[in-house]
Amino acid sequence: MVADSWIGPRVRFSCAQCGECCRLYWVPVTHRDIERISHRTGLRPADFTAPIPKSVVGEWGLPSFLLDDGEHYLILRKRLDGFCVFISPEEGKFRCAIYDARPLTCRFYPFVYISGEPIRFELAEDAPALCPGIGRGPTVSFGSVARFAVQREKELEEYKALVNRWNRLVLSGAVRPSFEVYLDFLLSPPP
């Protein structure tokens, strides 16, 4: 996948900072997202991530890891009001406290990308009904966003390899399948 080869819709978009995307979606993260967020905030991964059971949310097409109670995806934690733990209201808007280190998934919204040559960008299926920023601001240029798509694909491949390795260790009984042990494994995998 090459960042300078992409196709995308002609759509105007400017984030309205309404927070809907930060409230309505579960945000999957990788080990690299966790590293960026921890570095930016000084928080431990357990403070801002959580496992979500695959049996509850269905197939996401992402690597799922084994814990003692089944398969899970790794997501950003949410507060009781449904918002991401890093969102805070400020002067009638919702601001992301980790904007410069936010997960790569967040950098695409309201768009999704389809891997390949060229990279294809589309509006997320429910975005036109949920996102008031669509139709506002300048026409989106996907050049810089394509760079993030390439980076995300690379990081997903790394994450998939780590998850596969973890799952083999769990199945062999070599590790205790707890969330805390999984997070330690992601950030300091054994040789």
Protein backbone atom coordinates (compact mmCIF):
# COMPACT_ATOMS: atom_id res chain seq x y z
CA MET A 1 0.00 0.00 0.00
CA VAL A 2 1.41 3.37 -1.05
CA ALA A 3 0.36 6.69 0.50
CA ASP A 4 0.46 8.65 -2.75
CA SER A 5 -2.02 6.34 -4.49
CA TRP A 6 -5.56 6.94 -3.23
CA ILE A 7 -9.16 7.55 -4.28
CA GLY A 8 -11.67 9.41 -2.12
CA PRO A 9 -15.02 11.16 -2.38
CA ARG A 10 -15.26 14.91 -2.92
CA VAL A 11 -16.61 15.78 0.49
CA ARG A 12 -16.30 18.91 2.55
CA PHE A 13 -15.56 18.25 6.20
CA SER A 14 -14.63 20.25 9.27
CA CYS A 15 -14.92 18.72 12.72
CA ALA A 16 -17.71 20.40 14.71
CA GLN A 17 -16.29 19.02 17.98
CA CYS A 18 -19.73 17.69 18.91
CA GLY A 19 -18.26 14.53 20.45
CA GLU A 20 -20.75 12.15 18.84
CA CYS A 21 -18.06 9.94 17.31
CA CYS A 22 -16.31 9.84 20.69
CA ARG A 23 -19.53 8.71 22.36
CA LEU A 24 -21.12 6.35 19.86
CA TYR A 25 -18.19 4.17 18.82
CA TRP A 26 -15.91 1.71 20.55
CA VAL A 27 -12.39 2.65 19.45
CA PRO A 28 -10.09 -0.32 18.81
CA VAL A 29 -6.43 0.27 19.60
CA THR A 30 -3.13 -1.45 18.90
CA HIS A 31 0.06 -1.69 20.92
CA ARG A 32 1.43 1.33 19.01
CA ASP A 33 -1.63 3.45 19.85
CA ILE A 34 -1.12 2.50 23.50
CA GLU A 35 2.55 3.48 23.37
CA ARG A 36 1.72 6.89 21.86
CA ILE A 37 -1.01 7.58 24.41
CA SER A 38 1.08 6.42 27.39
CA HIS A 39 4.02 8.53 26.23
CA ARG A 40 1.77 11.59 25.78
CA THR A 41 -0.16 11.23 29.07
CA GLY A 42 2.09 9.28 31.43
CA LEU A 43 -0.86 6.97 32.13
CA ARG A 44 -0.60 3.22 32.45
CA PRO A 45 -2.38 1.33 29.64
CA ALA A 46 -4.80 -0.23 32.17
CA ASP A 47 -5.99 3.31 32.98
CA PHE A 48 -7.33 3.95 29.48
CA THR A 49 -7.85 0.60 27.74
CA ALA A 50 -10.30 -2.23 28.25
CA PRO A 51 -11.09 -5.61 26.74
CA ILE A 52 -14.46 -5.94 25.01
CA PRO A 53 -15.76 -9.46 24.37
CA LYS A 54 -15.96 -10.44 20.73
CA SER A 55 -19.12 -12.39 21.60
CA VAL A 56 -20.80 -9.10 22.57
CA VAL A 57 -19.74 -6.87 19.65
CA GLY A 58 -19.34 -9.40 16.82
CA GLU A 59 -16.70 -9.66 14.13
CA TRP A 60 -14.69 -6.49 13.57
CA GLY A 61 -12.11 -7.91 11.16
CA LEU A 62 -9.37 -7.12 13.68
CA PRO A 63 -7.11 -9.39 15.74
CA SER A 64 -8.85 -10.70 18.86
CA PHE A 65 -6.93 -11.95 21.88
CA LEU A 66 -7.74 -14.73 24.31
CA LEU A 67 -8.44 -14.15 27.99
CA ASP A 68 -9.76 -16.64 30.52
CA ASP A 69 -13.36 -15.81 29.50
CA GLY A 70 -12.98 -15.91 25.69
CA GLU A 71 -11.93 -13.70 22.77
CA HIS A 72 -11.69 -9.92 23.13
CA TYR A 73 -10.79 -6.78 21.26
CA LEU A 74 -8.66 -4.04 22.80
CA ILE A 75 -10.46 -0.69 23.02
CA LEU A 76 -10.19 2.75 24.59
CA ARG A 77 -12.12 2.92 27.85
CA LYS A 78 -15.40 4.81 28.03
CA ARG A 79 -16.90 6.77 30.88
CA LEU A 80 -20.36 6.02 32.28
CA ASP A 81 -21.85 8.73 30.02
CA GLY A 82 -20.56 6.82 26.98
CA PHE A 83 -17.79 9.23 26.04
CA CYS A 84 -14.18 8.22 25.56
CA VAL A 85 -12.13 8.79 28.72
CA PHE A 86 -10.08 11.45 26.92
CA ILE A 87 -12.98 13.70 25.94
CA SER A 88 -13.81 16.77 28.00
CA PRO A 89 -16.39 19.51 27.49
CA GLU A 90 -14.82 22.91 27.00
CA GLU A 91 -16.73 26.06 26.05
CA GLY A 92 -19.65 24.12 24.58
CA LYS A 93 -17.40 21.83 22.52
CA PHE A 94 -15.90 18.44 23.20
CA ARG A 95 -12.12 18.42 23.15
CA CYS A 96 -9.83 15.42 22.87
CA ALA A 97 -7.12 15.57 25.51
CA ILE A 98 -4.85 13.35 23.38
CA TYR A 99 -5.62 14.84 19.97
CA ASP A 100 -1.98 14.79 18.84
CA ALA A 101 -1.59 11.17 20.06
CA ARG A 102 -5.11 9.88 19.34
CA PRO A 103 -5.46 6.37 17.90
CA LEU A 104 -5.03 6.07 14.17
CA THR A 105 -8.64 4.87 13.88
CA CYS A 106 -9.81 8.25 15.20
CA ARG A 107 -7.77 10.12 12.61
CA PHE A 108 -9.94 8.82 9.75
CA TYR A 109 -13.43 9.57 11.01
CA PRO A 110 -15.88 10.27 9.38
CA PHE A 111 -14.11 8.24 6.72
CA VAL A 112 -13.05 4.62 6.50
CA TYR A 113 -10.42 3.26 4.19
CA ILE A 114 -10.15 0.09 2.15
CA SER A 115 -6.63 -1.28 1.74
CA GLY A 116 -5.19 -1.82 -1.69
CA GLU A 117 -3.70 -0.01 -4.63
CA PRO A 118 -4.98 2.62 -4.67
CA ILE A 119 -6.22 3.14 -1.10
CA ARG A 120 -9.96 3.86 -1.22
CA PHE A 121 -11.67 6.22 1.21
CA GLU A 122 -15.41 6.28 1.82
CA LEU A 123 -17.70 7.96 4.31
CA ALA A 124 -18.39 5.67 7.26
CA GLU A 125 -21.80 4.09 6.76
CA ASP A 126 -23.64 6.00 9.50
CA ALA A 127 -21.54 9.18 9.39
CA PRO A 128 -23.90 11.30 7.22
CA ALA A 129 -26.66 10.91 9.84
CA LEU A 130 -24.39 11.39 12.87
CA CYS A 131 -21.66 13.85 11.93
CA PRO A 132 -22.59 17.55 11.59
CA GLY A 133 -19.10 18.32 10.25
CA ILE A 134 -19.85 16.67 6.90
CA GLY A 135 -20.59 19.33 4.30
CA ARG A 136 -18.75 22.05 6.24
CA GLY A 137 -15.28 23.44 5.69
CA PRO A 138 -12.88 22.66 2.86
CA THR A 139 -12.98 19.67 0.54
CA VAL A 140 -10.99 16.89 2.13
CA SER A 141 -7.61 16.08 0.63
CA PHE A 142 -6.79 12.49 1.46
CA GLY A 143 -3.03 12.79 0.90
CA SER A 144 -2.10 13.13 4.57
CA VAL A 145 -4.85 10.74 5.65
CA ALA A 146 -3.48 8.12 3.23
CA ARG A 147 -0.18 8.29 5.08
CA PHE A 148 -2.01 7.33 8.28
CA ALA A 149 -3.72 4.45 6.45
CA VAL A 150 -0.33 3.06 5.42
CA GLN A 151 0.96 3.49 8.97
CA ARG A 152 -2.15 1.80 10.41
CA GLU A 153 -1.77 -1.19 8.09
CA LYS A 154 1.84 -1.63 9.22
CA GLU A 155 0.88 -1.33 12.89
CA LEU A 156 -2.04 -3.75 12.45
CA GLU A 157 0.33 -6.33 10.97
CA GLU A 158 2.66 -5.95 13.96
CA TYR A 159 -0.29 -6.15 16.35
CA LYS A 160 -1.70 -9.22 14.60
CA ALA A 161 1.66 -11.00 15.00
CA LEU A 162 1.73 -10.12 18.72
CA VAL A 163 -1.88 -11.27 19.22
CA ASN A 164 -1.20 -14.55 17.40
CA ARG A 165 1.85 -15.11 19.58
CA TRP A 166 -0.14 -14.32 22.75
CA ASN A 167 -2.97 -16.66 21.72
CA ARG A 168 -0.51 -19.51 21.13
CA LEU A 169 1.01 -18.91 24.59
CA VAL A 170 -2.46 -18.92 26.18
CA LEU A 171 -3.48 -22.13 24.40
CA SER A 172 -0.26 -23.84 25.47
CA GLY A 173 -0.77 -22.77 29.09
CA ALA A 174 2.48 -20.77 29.10
CA VAL A 175 0.85 -17.51 30.27
CA ARG A 176 -1.98 -16.59 32.62
CA PRO A 177 -4.74 -15.23 30.35
CA SER A 178 -5.55 -12.05 32.30
CA PHE A 179 -5.94 -8.56 30.87
CA GLU A 180 -3.10 -7.14 32.98
CA VAL A 181 -0.71 -9.85 31.76
CA TYR A 182 -1.85 -9.23 28.17
CA LEU A 183 -1.06 -5.50 28.42
CA ASP A 184 2.38 -6.27 29.87
CA PHE A 185 2.98 -8.74 27.03
CA LEU A 186 2.02 -6.17 24.37
CA LEU A 187 4.42 -3.55 25.62
CA SER A 188 7.26 -5.91 26.59
CA PRO A 189 6.89 -9.15 24.62
CA PRO A 190 9.25 -11.92 25.69
CA PRO A 191 12.04 -12.79 23.23
